Amino acid sequence: MTPGTPDADVDAEAPHERDRRELLRRGIALGGAAVAASSVPLLASVRDAFAQATGDAAILQKAINLEQVAVIAYDTALGGGLLSPAASRTMRRFRDHEQRHADTLTTALTDLGGSPPPPPKGIADVDKVVKGLGDVKTQADIVNVMIELELATVAAYHEAHRNLVETRLLQTCATITANEGQHLVVLRTIVGDDPVPNAFETGTT
């Protein structure tokens, strides 16, 4: 199949279309179709930004920013007063994981001679990755938004693995990806979704 043919174009768009259909399916099932629909272009944008990054340092900068955004998102969720004590403990633990990821990646970046990106400043930066956190009304709303954020994070790291060069960075990012996948399992369980829809988590389901 030659590039530029209609069939090739359909194949190139298929992952995005699968993301769109799956996010809409999950949103309808959980009562959040509008949030899920709005997340589709953002998830694709995050993933594509990692796919287009050139060099290990550039990838690490994007990963650090994404982890810092996750910290802000979890802090926002924890401060909203909508979580049960058990969910709060879970979210706090996940928040600490994201901070450790950011710290580890920052050390790796400085070891390469790079400079960390400017830190995100608030929920507006979260909205660049996944929308809806400022409009949540229930614990389920919060968890569904965090699921979308974790999906975007896994999708980003999935793309990063294609472009990273140094073995130690591949190992670090593989460990982080596995941890984000664990987050997804727990978060899905909280809202009664299938905790492990696929054998391998790629950020599309």
N, C-alpha and C. Protein backbone atom coordinates (compact mmCIF):
# COMPACT_ATOMS: atom_id res chain seq x y z
N MET A 1 0.86 -1.19 0.00
CA MET A 1 0.00 0.00 0.00
C MET A 1 0.89 1.23 0.00
N THR A 2 0.77 2.11 -1.01
CA THR A 2 1.67 3.26 -1.12
C THR A 2 1.15 4.42 -0.31
N PRO A 3 2.11 5.21 0.28
CA PRO A 3 1.69 6.39 1.05
C PRO A 3 0.90 7.34 0.16
N GLY A 4 -0.13 7.95 0.75
CA GLY A 4 -0.92 8.93 0.02
C GLY A 4 -2.17 8.36 -0.59
N THR A 5 -2.26 7.02 -0.68
CA THR A 5 -3.48 6.43 -1.21
C THR A 5 -4.57 6.52 -0.17
N PRO A 6 -5.85 6.46 -0.57
CA PRO A 6 -6.94 6.53 0.40
C PRO A 6 -6.82 5.49 1.49
N ASP A 7 -6.44 4.24 1.11
CA ASP A 7 -6.32 3.19 2.12
C ASP A 7 -5.24 3.52 3.13
N ALA A 8 -4.12 4.09 2.66
CA ALA A 8 -3.03 4.44 3.57
C ALA A 8 -3.47 5.52 4.53
N ASP A 9 -4.25 6.49 4.01
CA ASP A 9 -4.73 7.58 4.88
C ASP A 9 -5.65 7.03 5.96
N VAL A 10 -6.52 6.09 5.60
CA VAL A 10 -7.41 5.49 6.58
C VAL A 10 -6.62 4.77 7.65
N ASP A 11 -5.58 4.02 7.23
CA ASP A 11 -4.75 3.30 8.18
C ASP A 11 -4.06 4.26 9.14
N ALA A 12 -3.59 5.40 8.61
CA ALA A 12 -2.88 6.36 9.45
C ALA A 12 -3.80 6.98 10.48
N GLU A 13 -5.08 7.12 10.14
CA GLU A 13 -6.02 7.75 11.05
C GLU A 13 -6.66 6.76 12.02
N ALA A 14 -6.48 5.47 11.76
CA ALA A 14 -7.17 4.47 12.55
C ALA A 14 -6.93 4.58 14.04
N PRO A 15 -5.68 4.77 14.52
CA PRO A 15 -5.50 4.86 15.98
C PRO A 15 -6.30 6.01 16.60
N HIS A 16 -6.35 7.16 15.91
CA HIS A 16 -7.11 8.29 16.43
C HIS A 16 -8.59 7.98 16.47
N GLU A 17 -9.07 7.30 15.40
CA GLU A 17 -10.49 6.95 15.36
C GLU A 17 -10.83 5.94 16.44
N ARG A 18 -9.92 4.99 16.67
CA ARG A 18 -10.17 4.03 17.73
C ARG A 18 -10.23 4.72 19.09
N ASP A 19 -9.32 5.71 19.30
CA ASP A 19 -9.36 6.48 20.54
C ASP A 19 -10.69 7.18 20.69
N ARG A 20 -11.16 7.80 19.60
CA ARG A 20 -12.41 8.56 19.65
C ARG A 20 -13.58 7.65 20.02
N ARG A 21 -13.66 6.51 19.34
CA ARG A 21 -14.78 5.60 19.59
C ARG A 21 -14.73 5.05 21.02
N GLU A 22 -13.52 4.70 21.48
CA GLU A 22 -13.41 4.12 22.82
C GLU A 22 -13.71 5.14 23.90
N LEU A 23 -13.22 6.36 23.75
CA LEU A 23 -13.51 7.39 24.74
C LEU A 23 -14.99 7.70 24.80
N LEU A 24 -15.62 7.76 23.62
CA LEU A 24 -17.06 8.01 23.60
C LEU A 24 -17.83 6.86 24.24
N ARG A 25 -17.41 5.62 23.94
CA ARG A 25 -18.09 4.47 24.54
C ARG A 25 -17.98 4.52 26.05
N ARG A 26 -16.77 4.81 26.54
CA ARG A 26 -16.57 4.82 27.98
C ARG A 26 -17.33 5.98 28.61
N GLY A 27 -17.35 7.13 27.92
CA GLY A 27 -18.05 8.28 28.47
C GLY A 27 -19.55 8.05 28.57
N ILE A 28 -20.13 7.44 27.54
CA ILE A 28 -21.56 7.14 27.56
C ILE A 28 -21.86 6.15 28.68
N ALA A 29 -21.03 5.13 28.81
CA ALA A 29 -21.28 4.10 29.82
C ALA A 29 -21.20 4.68 31.22
N LEU A 30 -20.35 5.68 31.42
CA LEU A 30 -20.15 6.23 32.76
C LEU A 30 -20.89 7.55 32.96
N GLY A 31 -21.67 7.96 31.96
CA GLY A 31 -22.44 9.19 32.11
C GLY A 31 -21.63 10.43 31.85
N GLY A 32 -20.52 10.31 31.13
CA GLY A 32 -19.67 11.48 30.90
C GLY A 32 -19.32 11.65 29.43
N ALA A 33 -20.31 11.50 28.55
CA ALA A 33 -20.03 11.53 27.12
C ALA A 33 -19.41 12.84 26.68
N ALA A 34 -19.89 13.97 27.25
CA ALA A 34 -19.37 15.27 26.83
C ALA A 34 -17.90 15.42 27.21
N VAL A 35 -17.56 14.98 28.41
CA VAL A 35 -16.17 15.06 28.84
C VAL A 35 -15.31 14.16 27.98
N ALA A 36 -15.77 12.93 27.74
CA ALA A 36 -14.98 12.00 26.94
C ALA A 36 -14.76 12.53 25.54
N ALA A 37 -15.83 13.09 24.92
CA ALA A 37 -15.70 13.61 23.57
C ALA A 37 -14.68 14.73 23.50
N SER A 38 -14.68 15.60 24.49
CA SER A 38 -13.75 16.73 24.48
C SER A 38 -12.32 16.28 24.72
N SER A 39 -12.14 15.10 25.31
CA SER A 39 -10.81 14.61 25.62
C SER A 39 -10.10 14.03 24.41
N VAL A 40 -10.85 13.63 23.38
CA VAL A 40 -10.25 12.93 22.25
C VAL A 40 -9.13 13.72 21.59
N PRO A 41 -9.38 14.97 21.12
CA PRO A 41 -8.29 15.69 20.47
C PRO A 41 -7.14 15.98 21.41
N LEU A 42 -7.42 16.14 22.71
CA LEU A 42 -6.35 16.41 23.67
C LEU A 42 -5.48 15.19 23.84
N LEU A 43 -6.08 14.01 23.99
CA LEU A 43 -5.30 12.79 24.13
C LEU A 43 -4.42 12.59 22.91
N ALA A 44 -4.99 12.79 21.72
CA ALA A 44 -4.21 12.64 20.50
C ALA A 44 -3.09 13.68 20.44
N SER A 45 -3.38 14.90 20.91
CA SER A 45 -2.37 15.96 20.88
C SER A 45 -1.20 15.64 21.79
N VAL A 46 -1.49 15.15 22.99
CA VAL A 46 -0.42 14.79 23.93
C VAL A 46 0.43 13.68 23.35
N ARG A 47 -0.22 12.64 22.84
CA ARG A 47 0.50 11.52 22.26
C ARG A 47 1.36 11.97 21.08
N ASP A 48 0.80 12.81 20.21
CA ASP A 48 1.54 13.25 19.03
C ASP A 48 2.70 14.15 19.39
N ALA A 49 2.55 14.94 20.46
CA ALA A 49 3.66 15.80 20.89
C ALA A 49 4.87 14.96 21.28
N PHE A 50 4.63 13.84 21.94
CA PHE A 50 5.72 12.94 22.30
C PHE A 50 6.28 12.25 21.07
N ALA A 51 5.42 11.89 20.13
CA ALA A 51 5.87 11.21 18.92
C ALA A 51 6.76 12.12 18.08
N GLN A 52 6.50 13.42 18.13
CA GLN A 52 7.25 14.37 17.30
C GLN A 52 8.49 14.94 17.98
N ALA A 53 8.64 14.66 19.28
CA ALA A 53 9.80 15.18 20.01
C ALA A 53 11.08 14.55 19.46
N THR A 54 12.12 15.36 19.31
CA THR A 54 13.39 14.90 18.76
C THR A 54 14.46 14.92 19.84
N GLY A 55 14.97 13.74 20.16
CA GLY A 55 16.04 13.63 21.13
C GLY A 55 15.54 13.33 22.52
N ASP A 56 16.39 12.66 23.31
CA ASP A 56 16.00 12.26 24.65
C ASP A 56 15.65 13.45 25.54
N ALA A 57 16.43 14.52 25.45
CA ALA A 57 16.18 15.68 26.31
C ALA A 57 14.81 16.29 26.05
N ALA A 58 14.44 16.40 24.79
CA ALA A 58 13.14 16.98 24.43
C ALA A 58 12.00 16.11 24.95
N ILE A 59 12.17 14.79 24.86
CA ILE A 59 11.14 13.88 25.36
C ILE A 59 11.02 14.00 26.87
N LEU A 60 12.16 14.08 27.55
CA LEU A 60 12.14 14.20 29.01
C LEU A 60 11.45 15.49 29.45
N GLN A 61 11.70 16.58 28.73
CA GLN A 61 11.04 17.85 29.08
C GLN A 61 9.53 17.71 29.01
N LYS A 62 9.03 17.06 27.97
CA LYS A 62 7.58 16.87 27.84
C LYS A 62 7.05 15.95 28.93
N ALA A 63 7.82 14.92 29.25
CA ALA A 63 7.39 13.99 30.28
C ALA A 63 7.34 14.66 31.65
N ILE A 64 8.33 15.49 31.95
CA ILE A 64 8.34 16.22 33.22
C ILE A 64 7.12 17.12 33.34
N ASN A 65 6.84 17.85 32.27
CA ASN A 65 5.66 18.73 32.28
C ASN A 65 4.38 17.93 32.51
N LEU A 66 4.26 16.78 31.85
CA LEU A 66 3.06 15.97 31.99
C LEU A 66 2.92 15.44 33.42
N GLU A 67 4.03 15.04 34.02
CA GLU A 67 3.98 14.56 35.40
C GLU A 67 3.61 15.70 36.36
N GLN A 68 4.13 16.89 36.10
CA GLN A 68 3.80 18.03 36.96
C GLN A 68 2.33 18.41 36.81
N VAL A 69 1.79 18.29 35.61
CA VAL A 69 0.36 18.52 35.39
C VAL A 69 -0.45 17.50 36.20
N ALA A 70 0.01 16.25 36.22
CA ALA A 70 -0.69 15.22 36.98
C ALA A 70 -0.69 15.54 38.47
N VAL A 71 0.43 16.08 38.97
CA VAL A 71 0.48 16.47 40.38
C VAL A 71 -0.57 17.54 40.68
N ILE A 72 -0.67 18.54 39.82
CA ILE A 72 -1.67 19.59 39.99
C ILE A 72 -3.08 19.00 39.96
N ALA A 73 -3.31 18.08 39.02
CA ALA A 73 -4.64 17.47 38.90
C ALA A 73 -5.00 16.71 40.17
N TYR A 74 -4.08 15.92 40.68
CA TYR A 74 -4.37 15.18 41.90
C TYR A 74 -4.54 16.11 43.10
N ASP A 75 -3.73 17.16 43.17
CA ASP A 75 -3.90 18.14 44.25
C ASP A 75 -5.29 18.78 44.18
N THR A 76 -5.73 19.10 42.97
CA THR A 76 -7.05 19.70 42.79
C THR A 76 -8.14 18.74 43.21
N ALA A 77 -8.00 17.48 42.81
CA ALA A 77 -8.99 16.46 43.19
C ALA A 77 -9.04 16.30 44.70
N LEU A 78 -7.89 16.30 45.33
CA LEU A 78 -7.83 16.12 46.78
C LEU A 78 -8.41 17.31 47.54
N GLY A 79 -8.32 18.49 46.94
CA GLY A 79 -8.79 19.69 47.62
C GLY A 79 -10.25 20.02 47.40
N GLY A 80 -10.96 19.19 46.62
CA GLY A 80 -12.33 19.53 46.26
C GLY A 80 -13.39 19.10 47.24
N GLY A 81 -13.04 18.27 48.22
CA GLY A 81 -14.00 17.85 49.22
C GLY A 81 -15.04 16.85 48.75
N LEU A 82 -14.80 16.22 47.61
CA LEU A 82 -15.78 15.28 47.05
C LEU A 82 -15.38 13.82 47.21
N LEU A 83 -14.18 13.57 47.70
CA LEU A 83 -13.67 12.21 47.75
C LEU A 83 -13.94 11.56 49.11
N SER A 84 -14.22 10.27 49.07
CA SER A 84 -14.33 9.51 50.31
C SER A 84 -12.94 9.37 50.93
N PRO A 85 -12.87 9.02 52.22
CA PRO A 85 -11.55 8.83 52.84
C PRO A 85 -10.69 7.82 52.09
N ALA A 86 -11.28 6.73 51.65
CA ALA A 86 -10.51 5.70 50.92
C ALA A 86 -10.00 6.23 49.59
N ALA A 87 -10.88 6.94 48.85
CA ALA A 87 -10.46 7.51 47.57
C ALA A 87 -9.39 8.58 47.77
N SER A 88 -9.52 9.35 48.84
CA SER A 88 -8.51 10.37 49.13
C SER A 88 -7.14 9.74 49.37
N ARG A 89 -7.12 8.64 50.12
CA ARG A 89 -5.85 7.97 50.37
C ARG A 89 -5.23 7.47 49.06
N THR A 90 -6.08 6.93 48.20
CA THR A 90 -5.59 6.44 46.91
C THR A 90 -5.06 7.58 46.06
N MET A 91 -5.81 8.66 45.96
CA MET A 91 -5.39 9.81 45.16
C MET A 91 -4.11 10.43 45.70
N ARG A 92 -3.98 10.49 47.03
CA ARG A 92 -2.78 11.07 47.62
C ARG A 92 -1.55 10.22 47.29
N ARG A 93 -1.72 8.92 47.34
CA ARG A 93 -0.62 8.02 47.00
C ARG A 93 -0.23 8.19 45.53
N PHE A 94 -1.24 8.29 44.65
CA PHE A 94 -0.95 8.47 43.23
C PHE A 94 -0.28 9.82 42.97
N ARG A 95 -0.72 10.85 43.70
CA ARG A 95 -0.11 12.17 43.57
C ARG A 95 1.38 12.11 43.91
N ASP A 96 1.70 11.38 44.98
CA ASP A 96 3.10 11.25 45.39
C ASP A 96 3.90 10.48 44.34
N HIS A 97 3.27 9.48 43.72
CA HIS A 97 3.94 8.76 42.64
C HIS A 97 4.32 9.72 41.51
N GLU A 98 3.35 10.56 41.11
CA GLU A 98 3.60 11.49 40.00
C GLU A 98 4.73 12.46 40.34
N GLN A 99 4.77 12.90 41.58
CA GLN A 99 5.85 13.81 41.98
C GLN A 99 7.20 13.11 41.91
N ARG A 100 7.24 11.87 42.33
CA ARG A 100 8.49 11.12 42.25
C ARG A 100 8.90 10.89 40.80
N HIS A 101 7.93 10.63 39.94
CA HIS A 101 8.24 10.51 38.52
C HIS A 101 8.88 11.79 38.00
N ALA A 102 8.26 12.92 38.32
CA ALA A 102 8.79 14.21 37.86
C ALA A 102 10.20 14.44 38.38
N ASP A 103 10.43 14.11 39.64
CA ASP A 103 11.76 14.30 40.22
C ASP A 103 12.80 13.41 39.55
N THR A 104 12.43 12.15 39.31
CA THR A 104 13.35 11.21 38.66
C THR A 104 13.70 11.66 37.25
N LEU A 105 12.68 12.10 36.51
CA LEU A 105 12.91 12.56 35.14
C LEU A 105 13.72 13.84 35.10
N THR A 106 13.51 14.71 36.09
CA THR A 106 14.29 15.95 36.15
C THR A 106 15.76 15.64 36.39
N THR A 107 16.05 14.69 37.25
CA THR A 107 17.43 14.29 37.48
C THR A 107 18.05 13.73 36.20
N ALA A 108 17.28 12.91 35.50
CA ALA A 108 17.77 12.33 34.25
C ALA A 108 18.05 13.41 33.21
N LEU A 109 17.18 14.41 33.17
CA LEU A 109 17.36 15.50 32.20
C LEU A 109 18.59 16.33 32.52
N THR A 110 18.78 16.67 33.78
CA THR A 110 19.95 17.47 34.15
C THR A 110 21.23 16.68 33.93
N ASP A 111 21.18 15.36 34.10
CA ASP A 111 22.34 14.52 33.81
C ASP A 111 22.72 14.59 32.33
N LEU A 112 21.73 14.84 31.48
CA LEU A 112 22.00 14.99 30.05
C LEU A 112 22.45 16.40 29.69
N GLY A 113 22.46 17.30 30.70
CA GLY A 113 22.83 18.68 30.44
C GLY A 113 21.66 19.56 30.07
N GLY A 114 20.44 19.03 30.19
CA GLY A 114 19.26 19.81 29.84
C GLY A 114 18.70 20.57 31.02
N SER A 115 17.75 21.46 30.72
CA SER A 115 17.10 22.27 31.76
C SER A 115 15.63 21.88 31.85
N PRO A 116 15.11 21.73 33.06
CA PRO A 116 13.70 21.38 33.22
C PRO A 116 12.80 22.46 32.63
N PRO A 117 11.62 22.08 32.17
CA PRO A 117 10.67 23.06 31.64
C PRO A 117 10.11 23.90 32.77
N PRO A 118 9.59 25.09 32.46
CA PRO A 118 8.91 25.87 33.51
C PRO A 118 7.72 25.09 34.04
N PRO A 119 7.50 25.11 35.34
CA PRO A 119 6.41 24.30 35.90
C PRO A 119 5.05 24.83 35.48
N PRO A 120 4.08 23.94 35.27
CA PRO A 120 2.71 24.38 35.01
C PRO A 120 2.17 25.11 36.24
N LYS A 121 1.19 25.98 36.02
CA LYS A 121 0.77 26.89 37.09
C LYS A 121 -0.59 26.57 37.71
N GLY A 122 -1.39 25.78 37.06
CA GLY A 122 -2.70 25.54 37.65
C GLY A 122 -3.58 24.70 36.78
N ILE A 123 -4.87 24.72 37.09
CA ILE A 123 -5.82 23.84 36.42
C ILE A 123 -5.94 24.16 34.92
N ALA A 124 -5.62 25.38 34.52
CA ALA A 124 -5.64 25.71 33.10
C ALA A 124 -4.65 24.85 32.33
N ASP A 125 -3.54 24.49 32.97
CA ASP A 125 -2.57 23.61 32.33
C ASP A 125 -3.07 22.17 32.30
N VAL A 126 -3.85 21.78 33.29
CA VAL A 126 -4.48 20.45 33.26
C VAL A 126 -5.44 20.38 32.09
N ASP A 127 -6.17 21.47 31.84
CA ASP A 127 -7.15 21.50 30.76
C ASP A 127 -6.51 21.30 29.39
N LYS A 128 -5.20 21.55 29.28
CA LYS A 128 -4.52 21.33 28.01
C LYS A 128 -4.31 19.84 27.74
N VAL A 129 -4.44 19.03 28.78
CA VAL A 129 -4.26 17.59 28.65
C VAL A 129 -5.61 16.87 28.70
N VAL A 130 -6.44 17.25 29.67
CA VAL A 130 -7.77 16.67 29.79
C VAL A 130 -8.69 17.71 30.42
N LYS A 131 -9.86 17.88 29.84
CA LYS A 131 -10.80 18.88 30.34
C LYS A 131 -11.77 18.26 31.35
N GLY A 132 -12.37 19.13 32.16
CA GLY A 132 -13.46 18.69 33.01
C GLY A 132 -13.20 18.73 34.50
N LEU A 133 -11.94 18.86 34.92
CA LEU A 133 -11.66 18.79 36.34
C LEU A 133 -12.27 19.96 37.10
N GLY A 134 -12.41 21.10 36.43
CA GLY A 134 -13.01 22.25 37.09
C GLY A 134 -14.52 22.19 37.18
N ASP A 135 -15.14 21.19 36.55
CA ASP A 135 -16.60 21.10 36.51
C ASP A 135 -17.14 19.88 37.24
N VAL A 136 -16.29 19.18 37.97
CA VAL A 136 -16.73 17.94 38.62
C VAL A 136 -17.74 18.22 39.73
N LYS A 137 -18.68 17.30 39.88
CA LYS A 137 -19.71 17.44 40.91
C LYS A 137 -19.72 16.26 41.89
N THR A 138 -19.13 15.14 41.49
CA THR A 138 -19.16 13.94 42.31
C THR A 138 -17.78 13.28 42.29
N GLN A 139 -17.62 12.31 43.18
CA GLN A 139 -16.38 11.53 43.18
C GLN A 139 -16.19 10.81 41.85
N ALA A 140 -17.28 10.27 41.30
CA ALA A 140 -17.19 9.55 40.03
C ALA A 140 -16.69 10.48 38.93
N ASP A 141 -17.17 11.74 38.93
CA ASP A 141 -16.70 12.71 37.94
C ASP A 141 -15.19 12.89 38.04
N ILE A 142 -14.71 13.05 39.27
CA ILE A 142 -13.27 13.24 39.48
C ILE A 142 -12.49 12.04 38.96
N VAL A 143 -12.93 10.85 39.35
CA VAL A 143 -12.19 9.65 38.96
C VAL A 143 -12.18 9.48 37.45
N ASN A 144 -13.30 9.78 36.79
CA ASN A 144 -13.35 9.65 35.33
C ASN A 144 -12.38 10.62 34.65
N VAL A 145 -12.27 11.83 35.17
CA VAL A 145 -11.30 12.78 34.62
C VAL A 145 -9.88 12.26 34.84
N MET A 146 -9.60 11.72 36.01
CA MET A 146 -8.27 11.22 36.29
C MET A 146 -7.94 10.01 35.43
N ILE A 147 -8.95 9.20 35.10
CA ILE A 147 -8.73 8.09 34.18
C ILE A 147 -8.27 8.62 32.83
N GLU A 148 -8.95 9.68 32.34
CA GLU A 148 -8.55 10.26 31.05
C GLU A 148 -7.13 10.81 31.11
N LEU A 149 -6.78 11.44 32.22
CA LEU A 149 -5.43 11.98 32.38
C LEU A 149 -4.40 10.85 32.38
N GLU A 150 -4.69 9.78 33.10
CA GLU A 150 -3.76 8.65 33.13
C GLU A 150 -3.66 7.98 31.76
N LEU A 151 -4.77 7.92 31.03
CA LEU A 151 -4.73 7.38 29.67
C LEU A 151 -3.82 8.22 28.78
N ALA A 152 -3.95 9.55 28.88
CA ALA A 152 -3.10 10.43 28.09
C ALA A 152 -1.63 10.23 28.45
N THR A 153 -1.36 10.03 29.73
CA THR A 153 0.01 9.83 30.18
C THR A 153 0.58 8.52 29.64
N VAL A 154 -0.19 7.45 29.73
CA VAL A 154 0.27 6.17 29.19
C VAL A 154 0.49 6.27 27.69
N ALA A 155 -0.44 6.92 26.98
CA ALA A 155 -0.29 7.08 25.53
C ALA A 155 0.98 7.84 25.20
N ALA A 156 1.29 8.88 25.99
CA ALA A 156 2.49 9.67 25.76
C ALA A 156 3.75 8.83 25.94
N TYR A 157 3.80 8.07 27.01
CA TYR A 157 4.98 7.23 27.24
C TYR A 157 5.09 6.12 26.21
N HIS A 158 3.94 5.63 25.75
CA HIS A 158 3.96 4.61 24.70
C HIS A 158 4.66 5.15 23.45
N GLU A 159 4.39 6.40 23.12
CA GLU A 159 5.06 7.03 21.98
C GLU A 159 6.52 7.32 22.30
N ALA A 160 6.81 7.74 23.53
CA ALA A 160 8.18 8.07 23.91
C ALA A 160 9.11 6.88 23.72
N HIS A 161 8.60 5.68 23.99
CA HIS A 161 9.45 4.49 23.85
C HIS A 161 9.92 4.27 22.42
N ARG A 162 9.20 4.82 21.46
CA ARG A 162 9.60 4.67 20.07
C ARG A 162 10.83 5.52 19.73
N ASN A 163 11.02 6.61 20.50
CA ASN A 163 12.04 7.60 20.13
C ASN A 163 13.20 7.73 21.10
N LEU A 164 13.05 7.25 22.32
CA LEU A 164 14.16 7.34 23.27
C LEU A 164 15.34 6.50 22.80
N VAL A 165 16.54 6.99 23.09
CA VAL A 165 17.76 6.32 22.62
C VAL A 165 18.47 5.61 23.77
N GLU A 166 18.70 6.31 24.87
CA GLU A 166 19.48 5.74 25.96
C GLU A 166 18.71 4.63 26.68
N THR A 167 19.39 3.53 26.89
CA THR A 167 18.75 2.36 27.50
C THR A 167 18.21 2.66 28.89
N ARG A 168 18.99 3.39 29.68
CA ARG A 168 18.54 3.68 31.05
C ARG A 168 17.27 4.51 31.06
N LEU A 169 17.10 5.39 30.07
CA LEU A 169 15.89 6.19 29.99
C LEU A 169 14.70 5.33 29.55
N LEU A 170 14.96 4.39 28.66
CA LEU A 170 13.91 3.46 28.27
C LEU A 170 13.44 2.65 29.48
N GLN A 171 14.39 2.23 30.30
CA GLN A 171 14.03 1.47 31.50
C GLN A 171 13.24 2.32 32.49
N THR A 172 13.69 3.56 32.67
CA THR A 172 12.98 4.46 33.59
C THR A 172 11.56 4.71 33.13
N CYS A 173 11.40 5.01 31.86
CA CYS A 173 10.07 5.31 31.34
C CYS A 173 9.18 4.07 31.31
N ALA A 174 9.79 2.90 31.11
CA ALA A 174 9.00 1.67 31.16
C ALA A 174 8.45 1.44 32.57
N THR A 175 9.27 1.73 33.58
CA THR A 175 8.83 1.59 34.96
C THR A 175 7.70 2.57 35.27
N ILE A 176 7.85 3.81 34.80
CA ILE A 176 6.81 4.81 35.03
C ILE A 176 5.52 4.42 34.32
N THR A 177 5.63 3.94 33.08
CA THR A 177 4.45 3.52 32.34
C THR A 177 3.70 2.43 33.08
N ALA A 178 4.44 1.46 33.61
CA ALA A 178 3.80 0.37 34.36
C ALA A 178 3.06 0.93 35.58
N ASN A 179 3.66 1.91 36.25
CA ASN A 179 3.02 2.50 37.42
C ASN A 179 1.74 3.24 37.02
N GLU A 180 1.78 3.96 35.91
CA GLU A 180 0.57 4.66 35.44
C GLU A 180 -0.52 3.64 35.09
N GLY A 181 -0.11 2.50 34.53
CA GLY A 181 -1.08 1.45 34.24
C GLY A 181 -1.72 0.91 35.51
N GLN A 182 -0.93 0.81 36.58
CA GLN A 182 -1.49 0.39 37.87
C GLN A 182 -2.51 1.41 38.38
N HIS A 183 -2.21 2.68 38.18
CA HIS A 183 -3.16 3.73 38.56
C HIS A 183 -4.49 3.50 37.85
N LEU A 184 -4.42 3.22 36.55
CA LEU A 184 -5.64 3.04 35.77
C LEU A 184 -6.48 1.88 36.29
N VAL A 185 -5.82 0.79 36.65
CA VAL A 185 -6.54 -0.37 37.18
C VAL A 185 -7.34 0.02 38.42
N VAL A 186 -6.70 0.72 39.34
CA VAL A 186 -7.35 1.11 40.59
C VAL A 186 -8.47 2.11 40.33
N LEU A 187 -8.21 3.11 39.51
CA LEU A 187 -9.21 4.13 39.23
C LEU A 187 -10.43 3.54 38.54
N ARG A 188 -10.21 2.65 37.59
CA ARG A 188 -11.34 1.99 36.93
C ARG A 188 -12.17 1.18 37.92
N THR A 189 -11.49 0.53 38.85
CA THR A 189 -12.20 -0.25 39.85
C THR A 189 -13.11 0.62 40.70
N ILE A 190 -12.66 1.83 41.02
CA ILE A 190 -13.45 2.73 41.86
C ILE A 190 -14.78 3.07 41.20
N VAL A 191 -14.78 3.24 39.87
CA VAL A 191 -16.02 3.60 39.17
C VAL A 191 -16.74 2.39 38.56
N GLY A 192 -16.25 1.19 38.87
CA GLY A 192 -16.92 -0.01 38.39
C GLY A 192 -16.68 -0.35 36.94
N ASP A 193 -15.62 0.22 36.35
CA ASP A 193 -15.28 -0.10 34.97
C ASP A 193 -14.41 -1.35 34.94
N ASP A 194 -14.24 -1.93 33.77
CA ASP A 194 -13.35 -3.08 33.62
C ASP A 194 -11.93 -2.63 33.96
N PRO A 195 -11.32 -3.19 35.00
CA PRO A 195 -10.02 -2.70 35.43
C PRO A 195 -8.89 -3.01 34.45
N VAL A 196 -9.01 -4.11 33.69
CA VAL A 196 -7.94 -4.49 32.76
C VAL A 196 -8.60 -4.87 31.42
N PRO A 197 -8.96 -3.87 30.61
CA PRO A 197 -9.63 -4.17 29.34
C PRO A 197 -8.72 -4.82 28.31
N ASN A 198 -7.41 -4.62 28.46
CA ASN A 198 -6.46 -5.22 27.53
C ASN A 198 -5.27 -5.77 28.30
N ALA A 199 -4.58 -6.72 27.71
CA ALA A 199 -3.40 -7.30 28.35
C ALA A 199 -2.28 -6.27 28.46
N PHE A 200 -2.20 -5.36 27.48
CA PHE A 200 -1.15 -4.36 27.47
C PHE A 200 -1.80 -2.97 27.40
N GLU A 201 -1.42 -2.10 28.33
CA GLU A 201 -1.98 -0.75 28.38
C GLU A 201 -1.20 0.16 27.44
N THR A 202 -1.92 0.77 26.47
CA THR A 202 -1.27 1.69 25.53
C THR A 202 -1.87 3.09 25.58
N GLY A 203 -2.89 3.29 26.42
CA GLY A 203 -3.50 4.60 26.52
C GLY A 203 -4.65 4.80 25.58
N THR A 204 -5.12 3.72 24.93
CA THR A 204 -6.24 3.87 24.01
C THR A 204 -7.51 3.22 24.52
N THR A 205 -7.45 2.47 25.63
CA THR A 205 -8.66 1.87 26.17
C THR A 205 -8.62 1.97 27.68
